Amino acid sequence: MYGIKVRIRSLTADYGYDKFVECMLTDYDGHTHYFRDKLPVFTPDITANLPCDGVIRCMLKEEHPKYAVVDTMLPDDVESTMGEHRFRVSYDDLVDNA
């Protein structure tokens, strides 16, 4: 399972155990995408001090010489605030065994 590196920016809601956060991804083309979900979707450290680094698990769809195309629909059904789930990312932003 692959993952893409994101930056967890801020807490958007705190319901005690459930904490919702906003994170961002800058794709290969320099576009910024925002995601909002529960903190454990992006990091197993539920006590993380924000801002911090996180990962969105994804499926690798295409490999190109300079970038990869990933899809965040599986396994966690994560989409950007604009409803997107497919992104071109730099290989430096991919992690294995996420």
C-alpha atoms as a PDB file:
ATOM      1  CA  MET A   1       0.000   0.000   0.000  1.00  0.00           C
ATOM      2  CA  TYR A   2       1.296   3.422  -0.939  1.00  0.00           C
ATOM      3  CA  GLY A   3       0.715   6.754   0.707  1.00  0.00           C
ATOM      4  CA  ILE A   4       1.215  10.382  -0.229  1.00  0.00           C
ATOM      5  CA  LYS A   5       2.789  12.851   2.147  1.00  0.00           C
ATOM      6  CA  VAL A   6       0.558  15.677   3.345  1.00  0.00           C
ATOM      7  CA  ARG A   7       0.865  18.491   5.852  1.00  0.00           C
ATOM      8  CA  ILE A   8      -1.738  18.439   8.611  1.00  0.00           C
ATOM      9  CA  ARG A   9      -2.392  22.158   9.092  1.00  0.00           C
ATOM     10  CA  SER A  10      -5.117  22.686  11.630  1.00  0.00           C
ATOM     11  CA  LEU A  11      -7.808  21.272  13.845  1.00  0.00           C
ATOM     12  CA  THR A  12     -11.268  21.918  12.398  1.00  0.00           C
ATOM     13  CA  ALA A  13     -13.401  20.252  15.093  1.00  0.00           C
ATOM     14  CA  ASP A  14     -12.779  18.522  18.421  1.00  0.00           C
ATOM     15  CA  TYR A  15     -15.477  16.205  19.746  1.00  0.00           C
ATOM     16  CA  GLY A  16     -13.363  14.711  22.515  1.00  0.00           C
ATOM     17  CA  TYR A  17     -12.068  11.465  21.069  1.00  0.00           C
ATOM     18  CA  ASP A  18     -12.908  12.425  17.469  1.00  0.00           C
ATOM     19  CA  LYS A  19     -10.692  15.207  16.168  1.00  0.00           C
ATOM     20  CA  PHE A  20     -11.162  16.499  12.649  1.00  0.00           C
ATOM     21  CA  VAL A  21      -8.288  18.187  10.841  1.00  0.00           C
ATOM     22  CA  GLU A  22      -7.461  19.896   7.595  1.00  0.00           C
ATOM     23  CA  CYS A  23      -4.402  18.887   5.641  1.00  0.00           C
ATOM     24  CA  MET A  24      -2.905  19.924   2.341  1.00  0.00           C
ATOM     25  CA  LEU A  25      -1.094  18.361  -0.582  1.00  0.00           C
ATOM     26  CA  THR A  26       0.864  20.220  -3.223  1.00  0.00           C
ATOM     27  CA  ASP A  27       0.769  18.069  -6.353  1.00  0.00           C
ATOM     28  CA  TYR A  28       3.370  17.628  -9.095  1.00  0.00           C
ATOM     29  CA  ASP A  29       1.933  20.582 -11.020  1.00  0.00           C
ATOM     30  CA  GLY A  30       2.160  22.907  -8.006  1.00  0.00           C
ATOM     31  CA  HIS A  31      -1.595  22.922  -7.267  1.00  0.00           C
ATOM     32  CA  THR A  32      -2.643  22.823  -3.621  1.00  0.00           C
ATOM     33  CA  HIS A  33      -5.384  20.420  -2.543  1.00  0.00           C
ATOM     34  CA  TYR A  34      -7.085  20.401   0.873  1.00  0.00           C
ATOM     35  CA  PHE A  35      -8.559  17.439   2.737  1.00  0.00           C
ATOM     36  CA  ARG A  36     -10.711  17.315   5.866  1.00  0.00           C
ATOM     37  CA  ASP A  37     -11.244  14.154   7.867  1.00  0.00           C
ATOM     38  CA  LYS A  38     -10.609  12.523  11.219  1.00  0.00           C
ATOM     39  CA  LEU A  39      -7.020  12.817  12.457  1.00  0.00           C
ATOM     40  CA  PRO A  40      -6.366   9.012  12.399  1.00  0.00           C
ATOM     41  CA  VAL A  41      -6.990   8.995   8.627  1.00  0.00           C
ATOM     42  CA  PHE A  42      -3.763  10.996   8.247  1.00  0.00           C
ATOM     43  CA  THR A  43      -1.634   9.855  11.213  1.00  0.00           C
ATOM     44  CA  PRO A  44      -1.774   7.132  13.852  1.00  0.00           C
ATOM     45  CA  ASP A  45      -0.534   9.661  16.442  1.00  0.00           C
ATOM     46  CA  ILE A  46      -3.808  11.033  17.819  1.00  0.00           C
ATOM     47  CA  THR A  47      -1.853  13.267  20.225  1.00  0.00           C
ATOM     48  CA  ALA A  48       0.174  14.935  17.447  1.00  0.00           C
ATOM     49  CA  ASN A  49       0.940  18.635  17.865  1.00  0.00           C
ATOM     50  CA  LEU A  50      -0.311  20.542  14.850  1.00  0.00           C
ATOM     51  CA  PRO A  51       0.893  21.418  12.324  1.00  0.00           C
ATOM     52  CA  CYS A  52       2.614  18.115  11.526  1.00  0.00           C
ATOM     53  CA  ASP A  53       3.269  15.670   8.715  1.00  0.00           C
ATOM     54  CA  GLY A  54       0.785  13.001   7.717  1.00  0.00           C
ATOM     55  CA  VAL A  55       0.028  10.468   5.005  1.00  0.00           C
ATOM     56  CA  ILE A  56      -3.036   9.627   2.929  1.00  0.00           C
ATOM     57  CA  ARG A  57      -3.117   5.980   1.915  1.00  0.00           C
ATOM     58  CA  CYS A  58      -3.628   5.545  -1.819  1.00  0.00           C
ATOM     59  CA  MET A  59      -3.432   3.252  -4.796  1.00  0.00           C
ATOM     60  CA  LEU A  60      -0.731   3.754  -7.434  1.00  0.00           C
ATOM     61  CA  LYS A  61      -2.502   4.021 -10.806  1.00  0.00           C
ATOM     62  CA  GLU A  62       0.207   5.119 -13.253  1.00  0.00           C
ATOM     63  CA  GLU A  63       3.967   5.528 -13.222  1.00  0.00           C
ATOM     64  CA  HIS A  64       5.646   8.120 -15.427  1.00  0.00           C
ATOM     65  CA  PRO A  65       9.317   9.119 -15.560  1.00  0.00           C
ATOM     66  CA  LYS A  66       8.870  12.226 -13.379  1.00  0.00           C
ATOM     67  CA  TYR A  67       5.611  11.645 -11.491  1.00  0.00           C
ATOM     68  CA  ALA A  68       3.042   9.078 -10.448  1.00  0.00           C
ATOM     69  CA  VAL A  69      -0.744   9.160 -10.618  1.00  0.00           C
ATOM     70  CA  VAL A  70      -2.394   8.070  -7.378  1.00  0.00           C
ATOM     71  CA  ASP A  71      -5.989   7.529  -6.309  1.00  0.00           C
ATOM     72  CA  THR A  72      -7.086   8.143  -2.715  1.00  0.00           C
ATOM     73  CA  MET A  73     -10.511   6.522  -3.104  1.00  0.00           C
ATOM     74  CA  LEU A  74      -9.149   3.192  -1.827  1.00  0.00           C
ATOM     75  CA  PRO A  75      -8.614   2.122   0.841  1.00  0.00           C
ATOM     76  CA  ASP A  76     -10.010   5.006   2.954  1.00  0.00           C
ATOM     77  CA  ASP A  77     -12.302   6.927   0.554  1.00  0.00           C
ATOM     78  CA  VAL A  78     -10.445  10.223   1.039  1.00  0.00           C
ATOM     79  CA  GLU A  79     -11.253  13.043  -1.366  1.00  0.00           C
ATOM     80  CA  SER A  80     -10.193  16.657  -1.530  1.00  0.00           C
ATOM     81  CA  THR A  81     -12.524  19.472  -0.537  1.00  0.00           C
ATOM     82  CA  MET A  82     -13.116  19.899  -4.283  1.00  0.00           C
ATOM     83  CA  GLY A  83     -14.244  16.262  -4.633  1.00  0.00           C
ATOM     84  CA  GLU A  84     -11.066  14.988  -6.283  1.00  0.00           C
ATOM     85  CA  HIS A  85      -9.340  11.714  -5.464  1.00  0.00           C
ATOM     86  CA  ARG A  86      -6.840  11.329  -8.321  1.00  0.00           C
ATOM     87  CA  PHE A  87      -3.586  13.307  -8.251  1.00  0.00           C
ATOM     88  CA  ARG A  88      -0.247  13.575 -10.025  1.00  0.00           C
ATOM     89  CA  VAL A  89       2.494  13.522  -7.382  1.00  0.00           C
ATOM     90  CA  SER A  90       6.268  13.583  -7.297  1.00  0.00           C
ATOM     91  CA  TYR A  91       7.952  10.314  -6.376  1.00  0.00           C
ATOM     92  CA  ASP A  92       9.472  12.181  -3.411  1.00  0.00           C
ATOM     93  CA  ASP A  93       5.952  12.551  -1.997  1.00  0.00           C
ATOM     94  CA  LEU A  94       5.196   8.804  -2.152  1.00  0.00           C
ATOM     95  CA  VAL A  95       5.774   6.460   0.751  1.00  0.00           C
ATOM     96  CA  ASP A  96       5.614   2.677   0.625  1.00  0.00           C
ATOM     97  CA  ASN A  97       3.946   0.471   3.230  1.00  0.00           C
ATOM     98  CA  ALA A  98       1.561   3.207   4.390  1.00  0.00           C
END
